[in-house]
Amino acid sequence: MDREQVIGIIASTGTAVSLLPQLIKIIKEKKAEGTSPVMLIVLFTGLGFWITYGVLKNDWIIISANTISFLLNLAMGILAIKYRPKQGTPIEK
């Protein structure tokens, strides 16, 4: 493994798990009122293109990191829907 691959693995790992703290917070608090659906849609689109790019380049670092990111964001999107405030329910602070 060369230096470029090591740097790529470190960078992609950091990026892939960057939303993990937010996901853990949503799971613990069972609240996701601050999650933007538009942000998630844009992020899913970008990650889909990154995965496609990785496949075209045959780059397993890009493919795996962005697949992990996609799955973590998918989990956050599902939890954001599950834990969104009900209509007419005041949001707790």
PDB file of N, CA and C in Angstrom:
ATOM      1  N   MET A   1       0.851  -1.169   0.000  1.00  0.00           N
ATOM      2  CA  MET A   1       0.000   0.000   0.000  1.00  0.00           C
ATOM      3  C   MET A   1       0.901   1.237   0.000  1.00  0.00           C
ATOM      4  N   ASP A   2       0.634   2.165  -0.926  1.00  0.00           N
ATOM      5  CA  ASP A   2       1.481   3.355  -0.997  1.00  0.00           C
ATOM      6  C   ASP A   2       0.893   4.505  -0.172  1.00  0.00           C
ATOM      7  N   ARG A   3       1.642   5.582  -0.102  1.00  0.00           N
ATOM      8  CA  ARG A   3       1.259   6.732   0.727  1.00  0.00           C
ATOM      9  C   ARG A   3      -0.072   7.332   0.276  1.00  0.00           C
ATOM     10  N   GLU A   4      -0.295   7.406  -1.026  1.00  0.00           N
ATOM     11  CA  GLU A   4      -1.549   7.962  -1.537  1.00  0.00           C
ATOM     12  C   GLU A   4      -2.751   7.153  -1.068  1.00  0.00           C
ATOM     13  N   GLN A   5      -2.620   5.839  -1.069  1.00  0.00           N
ATOM     14  CA  GLN A   5      -3.725   4.994  -0.612  1.00  0.00           C
ATOM     15  C   GLN A   5      -3.987   5.192   0.875  1.00  0.00           C
ATOM     16  N   VAL A   6      -2.944   5.295   1.673  1.00  0.00           N
ATOM     17  CA  VAL A   6      -3.104   5.510   3.117  1.00  0.00           C
ATOM     18  C   VAL A   6      -3.813   6.831   3.373  1.00  0.00           C
ATOM     19  N   ILE A   7      -3.383   7.883   2.689  1.00  0.00           N
ATOM     20  CA  ILE A   7      -4.028   9.185   2.851  1.00  0.00           C
ATOM     21  C   ILE A   7      -5.487   9.106   2.415  1.00  0.00           C
ATOM     22  N   GLY A   8      -5.756   8.421   1.312  1.00  0.00           N
ATOM     23  CA  GLY A   8      -7.131   8.253   0.837  1.00  0.00           C
ATOM     24  C   GLY A   8      -7.997   7.504   1.823  1.00  0.00           C
ATOM     25  N   ILE A   9      -7.446   6.468   2.433  1.00  0.00           N
ATOM     26  CA  ILE A   9      -8.202   5.691   3.431  1.00  0.00           C
ATOM     27  C   ILE A   9      -8.505   6.538   4.652  1.00  0.00           C
ATOM     28  N   ILE A  10      -7.519   7.269   5.136  1.00  0.00           N
ATOM     29  CA  ILE A  10      -7.731   8.127   6.313  1.00  0.00           C
ATOM     30  C   ILE A  10      -8.768   9.204   6.003  1.00  0.00           C
ATOM     31  N   ALA A  11      -8.616   9.878   4.869  1.00  0.00           N
ATOM     32  CA  ALA A  11      -9.550  10.939   4.494  1.00  0.00           C
ATOM     33  C   ALA A  11     -10.968  10.400   4.311  1.00  0.00           C
ATOM     34  N   SER A  12     -11.097   9.294   3.614  1.00  0.00           N
ATOM     35  CA  SER A  12     -12.421   8.751   3.353  1.00  0.00           C
ATOM     36  C   SER A  12     -13.077   8.201   4.615  1.00  0.00           C
ATOM     37  N   THR A  13     -12.286   7.657   5.518  1.00  0.00           N
ATOM     38  CA  THR A  13     -12.838   7.174   6.790  1.00  0.00           C
ATOM     39  C   THR A  13     -13.400   8.338   7.593  1.00  0.00           C
ATOM     40  N   GLY A  14     -12.647   9.422   7.669  1.00  0.00           N
ATOM     41  CA  GLY A  14     -13.121  10.608   8.392  1.00  0.00           C
ATOM     42  C   GLY A  14     -14.405  11.154   7.806  1.00  0.00           C
ATOM     43  N   THR A  15     -14.455  11.227   6.485  1.00  0.00           N
ATOM     44  CA  THR A  15     -15.648  11.726   5.816  1.00  0.00           C
ATOM     45  C   THR A  15     -16.824  10.766   6.003  1.00  0.00           C
ATOM     46  N   ALA A  16     -16.563   9.484   5.880  1.00  0.00           N
ATOM     47  CA  ALA A  16     -17.635   8.485   5.960  1.00  0.00           C
ATOM     48  C   ALA A  16     -18.309   8.463   7.326  1.00  0.00           C
ATOM     49  N   VAL A  17     -17.559   8.669   8.372  1.00  0.00           N
ATOM     50  CA  VAL A  17     -18.143   8.584   9.719  1.00  0.00           C
ATOM     51  C   VAL A  17     -18.460   9.954  10.317  1.00  0.00           C
ATOM     52  N   SER A  18     -18.361  11.006   9.521  1.00  0.00           N
ATOM     53  CA  SER A  18     -18.564  12.358  10.049  1.00  0.00           C
ATOM     54  C   SER A  18     -19.959  12.579  10.625  1.00  0.00           C
ATOM     55  N   LEU A  19     -20.967  11.910  10.096  1.00  0.00           N
ATOM     56  CA  LEU A  19     -22.322  12.087  10.607  1.00  0.00           C
ATOM     57  C   LEU A  19     -22.689  11.094  11.703  1.00  0.00           C
ATOM     58  N   LEU A  20     -21.777  10.233  12.066  1.00  0.00           N
ATOM     59  CA  LEU A  20     -22.051   9.247  13.110  1.00  0.00           C
ATOM     60  C   LEU A  20     -22.453   9.896  14.440  1.00  0.00           C
ATOM     61  N   PRO A  21     -21.776  10.947  14.906  1.00  0.00           N
ATOM     62  CA  PRO A  21     -22.216  11.587  16.154  1.00  0.00           C
ATOM     63  C   PRO A  21     -23.655  12.108  16.075  1.00  0.00           C
ATOM     64  N   GLN A  22     -24.045  12.680  14.944  1.00  0.00           N
ATOM     65  CA  GLN A  22     -25.416  13.166  14.783  1.00  0.00           C
ATOM     66  C   GLN A  22     -26.404  12.009  14.794  1.00  0.00           C
ATOM     67  N   LEU A  23     -26.049  10.918  14.154  1.00  0.00           N
ATOM     68  CA  LEU A  23     -26.908   9.740  14.125  1.00  0.00           C
ATOM     69  C   LEU A  23     -27.087   9.173  15.530  1.00  0.00           C
ATOM     70  N   ILE A  24     -26.016   9.095  16.295  1.00  0.00           N
ATOM     71  CA  ILE A  24     -26.085   8.602  17.675  1.00  0.00           C
ATOM     72  C   ILE A  24     -26.961   9.517  18.526  1.00  0.00           C
ATOM     73  N   LYS A  25     -26.829  10.829  18.329  1.00  0.00           N
ATOM     74  CA  LYS A  25     -27.644  11.795  19.079  1.00  0.00           C
ATOM     75  C   LYS A  25     -29.128  11.600  18.776  1.00  0.00           C
ATOM     76  N   ILE A  26     -29.466  11.423  17.506  1.00  0.00           N
ATOM     77  CA  ILE A  26     -30.860  11.206  17.128  1.00  0.00           C
ATOM     78  C   ILE A  26     -31.390   9.917  17.755  1.00  0.00           C
ATOM     79  N   ILE A  27     -30.592   8.872  17.760  1.00  0.00           N
ATOM     80  CA  ILE A  27     -31.015   7.598  18.352  1.00  0.00           C
ATOM     81  C   ILE A  27     -31.238   7.746  19.851  1.00  0.00           C
ATOM     82  N   LYS A  28     -30.310   8.410  20.543  1.00  0.00           N
ATOM     83  CA  LYS A  28     -30.431   8.567  21.999  1.00  0.00           C
ATOM     84  C   LYS A  28     -31.612   9.449  22.382  1.00  0.00           C
ATOM     85  N   GLU A  29     -31.756  10.593  21.697  1.00  0.00           N
ATOM     86  CA  GLU A  29     -32.786  11.566  22.081  1.00  0.00           C
ATOM     87  C   GLU A  29     -34.145  11.280  21.452  1.00  0.00           C
ATOM     88  N   LYS A  30     -34.156  10.434  20.415  1.00  0.00           N
ATOM     89  CA  LYS A  30     -35.387  10.136  19.682  1.00  0.00           C
ATOM     90  C   LYS A  30     -36.053  11.423  19.177  1.00  0.00           C
ATOM     91  N   LYS A  31     -35.213  12.364  18.749  1.00  0.00           N
ATOM     92  CA  LYS A  31     -35.669  13.634  18.185  1.00  0.00           C
ATOM     93  C   LYS A  31     -34.788  13.961  16.988  1.00  0.00           C
ATOM     94  N   ALA A  32     -35.430  14.446  15.925  1.00  0.00           N
ATOM     95  CA  ALA A  32     -34.657  14.799  14.731  1.00  0.00           C
ATOM     96  C   ALA A  32     -35.217  16.048  14.062  1.00  0.00           C
ATOM     97  N   GLU A  33     -35.747  16.950  14.873  1.00  0.00           N
ATOM     98  CA  GLU A  33     -36.398  18.119  14.286  1.00  0.00           C
ATOM     99  C   GLU A  33     -35.443  19.058  13.550  1.00  0.00           C
ATOM    100  N   GLY A  34     -34.143  18.958  13.791  1.00  0.00           N
ATOM    101  CA  GLY A  34     -33.187  19.833  13.125  1.00  0.00           C
ATOM    102  C   GLY A  34     -32.638  19.279  11.825  1.00  0.00           C
ATOM    103  N   THR A  35     -33.102  18.122  11.408  1.00  0.00           N
ATOM    104  CA  THR A  35     -32.579  17.488  10.197  1.00  0.00           C
ATOM    105  C   THR A  35     -33.297  18.044   8.976  1.00  0.00           C
ATOM    106  N   SER A  36     -32.537  18.546   8.020  1.00  0.00           N
ATOM    107  CA  SER A  36     -33.101  19.127   6.807  1.00  0.00           C
ATOM    108  C   SER A  36     -33.289  18.054   5.732  1.00  0.00           C
ATOM    109  N   PRO A  37     -34.530  17.844   5.297  1.00  0.00           N
ATOM    110  CA  PRO A  37     -34.764  16.852   4.244  1.00  0.00           C
ATOM    111  C   PRO A  37     -34.079  17.239   2.925  1.00  0.00           C
ATOM    112  N   VAL A  38     -34.036  18.527   2.616  1.00  0.00           N
ATOM    113  CA  VAL A  38     -33.397  18.972   1.378  1.00  0.00           C
ATOM    114  C   VAL A  38     -31.905  18.660   1.426  1.00  0.00           C
ATOM    115  N   MET A  39     -31.268  18.896   2.584  1.00  0.00           N
ATOM    116  CA  MET A  39     -29.843  18.591   2.740  1.00  0.00           C
ATOM    117  C   MET A  39     -29.597  17.108   2.510  1.00  0.00           C
ATOM    118  N   LEU A  40     -30.453  16.253   3.046  1.00  0.00           N
ATOM    119  CA  LEU A  40     -30.287  14.814   2.868  1.00  0.00           C
ATOM    120  C   LEU A  40     -30.450  14.409   1.406  1.00  0.00           C
ATOM    121  N   ILE A  41     -31.399  15.010   0.707  1.00  0.00           N
ATOM    122  CA  ILE A  41     -31.599  14.688  -0.711  1.00  0.00           C
ATOM    123  C   ILE A  41     -30.372  15.095  -1.523  1.00  0.00           C
ATOM    124  N   VAL A  42     -29.860  16.294  -1.277  1.00  0.00           N
ATOM    125  CA  VAL A  42     -28.662  16.757  -1.986  1.00  0.00           C
ATOM    126  C   VAL A  42     -27.481  15.850  -1.662  1.00  0.00           C
ATOM    127  N   LEU A  43     -27.352  15.477  -0.397  1.00  0.00           N
ATOM    128  CA  LEU A  43     -26.255  14.611   0.023  1.00  0.00           C
ATOM    129  C   LEU A  43     -26.363  13.224  -0.608  1.00  0.00           C
ATOM    130  N   PHE A  44     -27.570  12.643  -0.635  1.00  0.00           N
ATOM    131  CA  PHE A  44     -27.769  11.335  -1.284  1.00  0.00           C
ATOM    132  C   PHE A  44     -27.383  11.398  -2.763  1.00  0.00           C
ATOM    133  N   THR A  45     -27.774  12.480  -3.416  1.00  0.00           N
ATOM    134  CA  THR A  45     -27.443  12.650  -4.838  1.00  0.00           C
ATOM    135  C   THR A  45     -25.929  12.697  -5.035  1.00  0.00           C
ATOM    136  N   GLY A  46     -25.267  13.517  -4.229  1.00  0.00           N
ATOM    137  CA  GLY A  46     -23.812  13.621  -4.331  1.00  0.00           C
ATOM    138  C   GLY A  46     -23.114  12.305  -4.040  1.00  0.00           C
ATOM    139  N   LEU A  47     -23.562  11.613  -3.016  1.00  0.00           N
ATOM    140  CA  LEU A  47     -22.960  10.329  -2.672  1.00  0.00           C
ATOM    141  C   LEU A  47     -23.196   9.293  -3.780  1.00  0.00           C
ATOM    142  N   GLY A  48     -24.382   9.325  -4.373  1.00  0.00           N
ATOM    143  CA  GLY A  48     -24.652   8.420  -5.484  1.00  0.00           C
ATOM    144  C   GLY A  48     -23.684   8.652  -6.639  1.00  0.00           C
ATOM    145  N   PHE A  49     -23.417   9.926  -6.934  1.00  0.00           N
ATOM    146  CA  PHE A  49     -22.456  10.238  -7.988  1.00  0.00           C
ATOM    147  C   PHE A  49     -21.033   9.848  -7.595  1.00  0.00           C
ATOM    148  N   TRP A  50     -20.668  10.026  -6.325  1.00  0.00           N
ATOM    149  CA  TRP A  50     -19.331   9.609  -5.870  1.00  0.00           C
ATOM    150  C   TRP A  50     -19.163   8.099  -6.007  1.00  0.00           C
ATOM    151  N   ILE A  51     -20.190   7.343  -5.647  1.00  0.00           N
ATOM    152  CA  ILE A  51     -20.121   5.885  -5.773  1.00  0.00           C
ATOM    153  C   ILE A  51     -19.976   5.504  -7.244  1.00  0.00           C
ATOM    154  N   THR A  52     -20.771   6.145  -8.101  1.00  0.00           N
ATOM    155  CA  THR A  52     -20.669   5.882  -9.537  1.00  0.00           C
ATOM    156  C   THR A  52     -19.273   6.216 -10.057  1.00  0.00           C
ATOM    157  N   TYR A  53     -18.736   7.347  -9.633  1.00  0.00           N
ATOM    158  CA  TYR A  53     -17.392   7.754 -10.027  1.00  0.00           C
ATOM    159  C   TYR A  53     -16.365   6.712  -9.575  1.00  0.00           C
ATOM    160  N   GLY A  54     -16.505   6.246  -8.340  1.00  0.00           N
ATOM    161  CA  GLY A  54     -15.593   5.224  -7.825  1.00  0.00           C
ATOM    162  C   GLY A  54     -15.655   3.943  -8.628  1.00  0.00           C
ATOM    163  N   VAL A  55     -16.871   3.554  -9.031  1.00  0.00           N
ATOM    164  CA  VAL A  55     -17.034   2.351  -9.854  1.00  0.00           C
ATOM    165  C   VAL A  55     -16.361   2.559 -11.215  1.00  0.00           C
ATOM    166  N   LEU A  56     -16.593   3.717 -11.827  1.00  0.00           N
ATOM    167  CA  LEU A  56     -15.987   4.002 -13.133  1.00  0.00           C
ATOM    168  C   LEU A  56     -14.462   4.028 -13.068  1.00  0.00           C
ATOM    169  N   LYS A  57     -13.923   4.520 -11.945  1.00  0.00           N
ATOM    170  CA  LYS A  57     -12.481   4.588 -11.767  1.00  0.00           C
ATOM    171  C   LYS A  57     -11.914   3.296 -11.186  1.00  0.00           C
ATOM    172  N   ASN A  58     -12.813   2.372 -10.790  1.00  0.00           N
ATOM    173  CA  ASN A  58     -12.414   1.132 -10.136  1.00  0.00           C
ATOM    174  C   ASN A  58     -11.573   1.417  -8.886  1.00  0.00           C
ATOM    175  N   ASP A  59     -12.070   2.364  -8.076  1.00  0.00           N
ATOM    176  CA  ASP A  59     -11.359   2.813  -6.870  1.00  0.00           C
ATOM    177  C   ASP A  59     -12.147   2.374  -5.638  1.00  0.00           C
ATOM    178  N   TRP A  60     -11.693   1.306  -4.988  1.00  0.00           N
ATOM    179  CA  TRP A  60     -12.429   0.735  -3.860  1.00  0.00           C
ATOM    180  C   TRP A  60     -12.483   1.680  -2.664  1.00  0.00           C
ATOM    181  N   ILE A  61     -11.525   2.577  -2.531  1.00  0.00           N
ATOM    182  CA  ILE A  61     -11.559   3.540  -1.421  1.00  0.00           C
ATOM    183  C   ILE A  61     -12.744   4.483  -1.593  1.00  0.00           C
ATOM    184  N   ILE A  62     -12.908   5.024  -2.775  1.00  0.00           N
ATOM    185  CA  ILE A  62     -14.029   5.928  -3.045  1.00  0.00           C
ATOM    186  C   ILE A  62     -15.351   5.182  -2.935  1.00  0.00           C
ATOM    187  N   ILE A  63     -15.418   3.994  -3.481  1.00  0.00           N
ATOM    188  CA  ILE A  63     -16.654   3.206  -3.448  1.00  0.00           C
ATOM    189  C   ILE A  63     -17.048   2.882  -2.008  1.00  0.00           C
ATOM    190  N   SER A  64     -16.132   2.344  -1.233  1.00  0.00           N
ATOM    191  CA  SER A  64     -16.475   1.905   0.126  1.00  0.00           C
ATOM    192  C   SER A  64     -16.794   3.081   1.039  1.00  0.00           C
ATOM    193  N   ALA A  65     -15.998   4.139   0.981  1.00  0.00           N
ATOM    194  CA  ALA A  65     -16.244   5.293   1.865  1.00  0.00           C
ATOM    195  C   ALA A  65     -17.600   5.924   1.575  1.00  0.00           C
ATOM    196  N   ASN A  66     -17.912   6.094   0.314  1.00  0.00           N
ATOM    197  CA  ASN A  66     -19.168   6.748  -0.024  1.00  0.00           C
ATOM    198  C   ASN A  66     -20.365   5.828   0.167  1.00  0.00           C
ATOM    199  N   THR A  67     -20.166   4.527   0.056  1.00  0.00           N
ATOM    200  CA  THR A  67     -21.242   3.587   0.367  1.00  0.00           C
ATOM    201  C   THR A  67     -21.549   3.620   1.862  1.00  0.00           C
ATOM    202  N   ILE A  68     -20.522   3.657   2.692  1.00  0.00           N
ATOM    203  CA  ILE A  68     -20.728   3.770   4.143  1.00  0.00           C
ATOM    204  C   ILE A  68     -21.438   5.075   4.464  1.00  0.00           C
ATOM    205  N   SER A  69     -20.984   6.174   3.867  1.00  0.00           N
ATOM    206  CA  SER A  69     -21.636   7.471   4.075  1.00  0.00           C
ATOM    207  C   SER A  69     -23.097   7.415   3.652  1.00  0.00           C
ATOM    208  N   PHE A  70     -23.355   6.801   2.496  1.00  0.00           N
ATOM    209  CA  PHE A  70     -24.723   6.693   2.000  1.00  0.00           C
ATOM    210  C   PHE A  70     -25.593   5.930   2.998  1.00  0.00           C
ATOM    211  N   LEU A  71     -25.088   4.818   3.516  1.00  0.00           N
ATOM    212  CA  LEU A  71     -25.870   4.001   4.453  1.00  0.00           C
ATOM    213  C   LEU A  71     -26.116   4.737   5.767  1.00  0.00           C
ATOM    214  N   LEU A  72     -25.094   5.438   6.286  1.00  0.00           N
ATOM    215  CA  LEU A  72     -25.273   6.211   7.521  1.00  0.00           C
ATOM    216  C   LEU A  72     -26.292   7.329   7.314  1.00  0.00           C
ATOM    217  N   ASN A  73     -26.223   7.987   6.166  1.00  0.00           N
ATOM    218  CA  ASN A  73     -27.179   9.052   5.877  1.00  0.00           C
ATOM    219  C   ASN A  73     -28.572   8.505   5.633  1.00  0.00           C
ATOM    220  N   LEU A  74     -28.652   7.331   5.051  1.00  0.00           N
ATOM    221  CA  LEU A  74     -29.945   6.689   4.879  1.00  0.00           C
ATOM    222  C   LEU A  74     -30.572   6.393   6.243  1.00  0.00           C
ATOM    223  N   ALA A  75     -29.772   5.888   7.166  1.00  0.00           N
ATOM    224  CA  ALA A  75     -30.259   5.640   8.526  1.00  0.00           C
ATOM    225  C   ALA A  75     -30.733   6.939   9.167  1.00  0.00           C
ATOM    226  N   MET A  76     -29.977   8.017   8.970  1.00  0.00           N
ATOM    227  CA  MET A  76     -30.379   9.296   9.548  1.00  0.00           C
ATOM    228  C   MET A  76     -31.674   9.786   8.917  1.00  0.00           C
ATOM    229  N   GLY A  77     -31.823   9.603   7.609  1.00  0.00           N
ATOM    230  CA  GLY A  77     -33.053  10.001   6.943  1.00  0.00           C
ATOM    231  C   GLY A  77     -34.256   9.222   7.454  1.00  0.00           C
ATOM    232  N   ILE A  78     -34.085   7.925   7.640  1.00  0.00           N
ATOM    233  CA  ILE A  78     -35.175   7.087   8.172  1.00  0.00           C
ATOM    234  C   ILE A  78     -35.542   7.524   9.586  1.00  0.00           C
ATOM    235  N   LEU A  79     -34.519   7.774  10.414  1.00  0.00           N
ATOM    236  CA  LEU A  79     -34.797   8.211  11.789  1.00  0.00           C
ATOM    237  C   LEU A  79     -35.397   9.615  11.826  1.00  0.00           C
ATOM    238  N   ALA A  80     -34.992  10.466  10.900  1.00  0.00           N
ATOM    239  CA  ALA A  80     -35.565  11.818  10.838  1.00  0.00           C
ATOM    240  C   ALA A  80     -37.057  11.747  10.523  1.00  0.00           C
ATOM    241  N   ILE A  81     -37.438  10.813   9.664  1.00  0.00           N
ATOM    242  CA  ILE A  81     -38.858  10.620   9.364  1.00  0.00           C
ATOM    243  C   ILE A  81     -39.574  10.016  10.567  1.00  0.00           C
ATOM    244  N   LYS A  82     -38.962   9.016  11.173  1.00  0.00           N
ATOM    245  CA  LYS A  82     -39.577   8.331  12.320  1.00  0.00           C
ATOM    246  C   LYS A  82     -39.757   9.259  13.516  1.00  0.00           C
ATOM    247  N   TYR A  83     -38.763  10.102  13.792  1.00  0.00           N
ATOM    248  CA  TYR A  83     -38.791  10.944  14.980  1.00  0.00           C
ATOM    249  C   TYR A  83     -39.167  12.394  14.711  1.00  0.00           C
ATOM    250  N   ARG A  84     -39.702  12.700  13.532  1.00  0.00           N
ATOM    251  CA  ARG A  84     -40.089  14.081  13.257  1.00  0.00           C
ATOM    252  C   ARG A  84     -41.245  14.468  14.171  1.00  0.00           C
ATOM    253  N   PRO A  85     -41.337  15.756  14.501  1.00  0.00           N
ATOM    254  CA  PRO A  85     -42.444  16.193  15.373  1.00  0.00           C
ATOM    255  C   PRO A  85     -43.785  15.978  14.681  1.00  0.00           C
ATOM    256  N   LYS A  86     -44.754  15.579  15.452  1.00  0.00           N
ATOM    257  CA  LYS A  86     -46.095  15.389  14.914  1.00  0.00           C
ATOM    258  C   LYS A  86     -46.724  16.759  14.650  1.00  0.00           C
ATOM    259  N   GLN A  87     -47.674  16.823  13.718  1.00  0.00           N
ATOM    260  CA  GLN A  87     -48.366  18.064  13.409  1.00  0.00           C
ATOM    261  C   GLN A  87     -49.055  18.602  14.668  1.00  0.00           C
ATOM    262  N   GLY A  88     -48.830  19.883  14.945  1.00  0.00           N
ATOM    263  CA  GLY A  88     -49.484  20.518  16.099  1.00  0.00           C
ATOM    264  C   GLY A  88     -48.793  20.273  17.424  1.00  0.00           C
ATOM    265  N   THR A  89     -47.726  19.477  17.450  1.00  0.00           N
ATOM    266  CA  THR A  89     -46.994  19.207  18.685  1.00  0.00           C
ATOM    267  C   THR A  89     -45.876  20.233  18.822  1.00  0.00           C
ATOM    268  N   PRO A  90     -45.827  20.961  19.965  1.00  0.00           N
ATOM    269  CA  PRO A  90     -44.747  21.922  20.117  1.00  0.00           C
ATOM    270  C   PRO A  90     -43.405  21.201  20.246  1.00  0.00           C
ATOM    271  N   ILE A  91     -42.369  21.808  19.689  1.00  0.00           N
ATOM    272  CA  ILE A  91     -41.029  21.253  19.752  1.00  0.00           C
ATOM    273  C   ILE A  91     -40.407  21.618  21.095  1.00  0.00           C
ATOM    274  N   GLU A  92     -39.912  20.598  21.811  1.00  0.00           N
ATOM    275  CA  GLU A  92     -39.255  20.839  23.104  1.00  0.00           C
ATOM    276  C   GLU A  92     -37.880  21.426  22.887  1.00  0.00           C
ATOM    277  N   LYS A  93     -37.463  22.273  23.813  1.00  0.00           N
ATOM    278  CA  LYS A  93     -36.117  22.847  23.731  1.00  0.00           C
ATOM    279  C   LYS A  93     -35.272  22.372  24.859  1.00  0.00           C
TER     280      LYS A  93
END
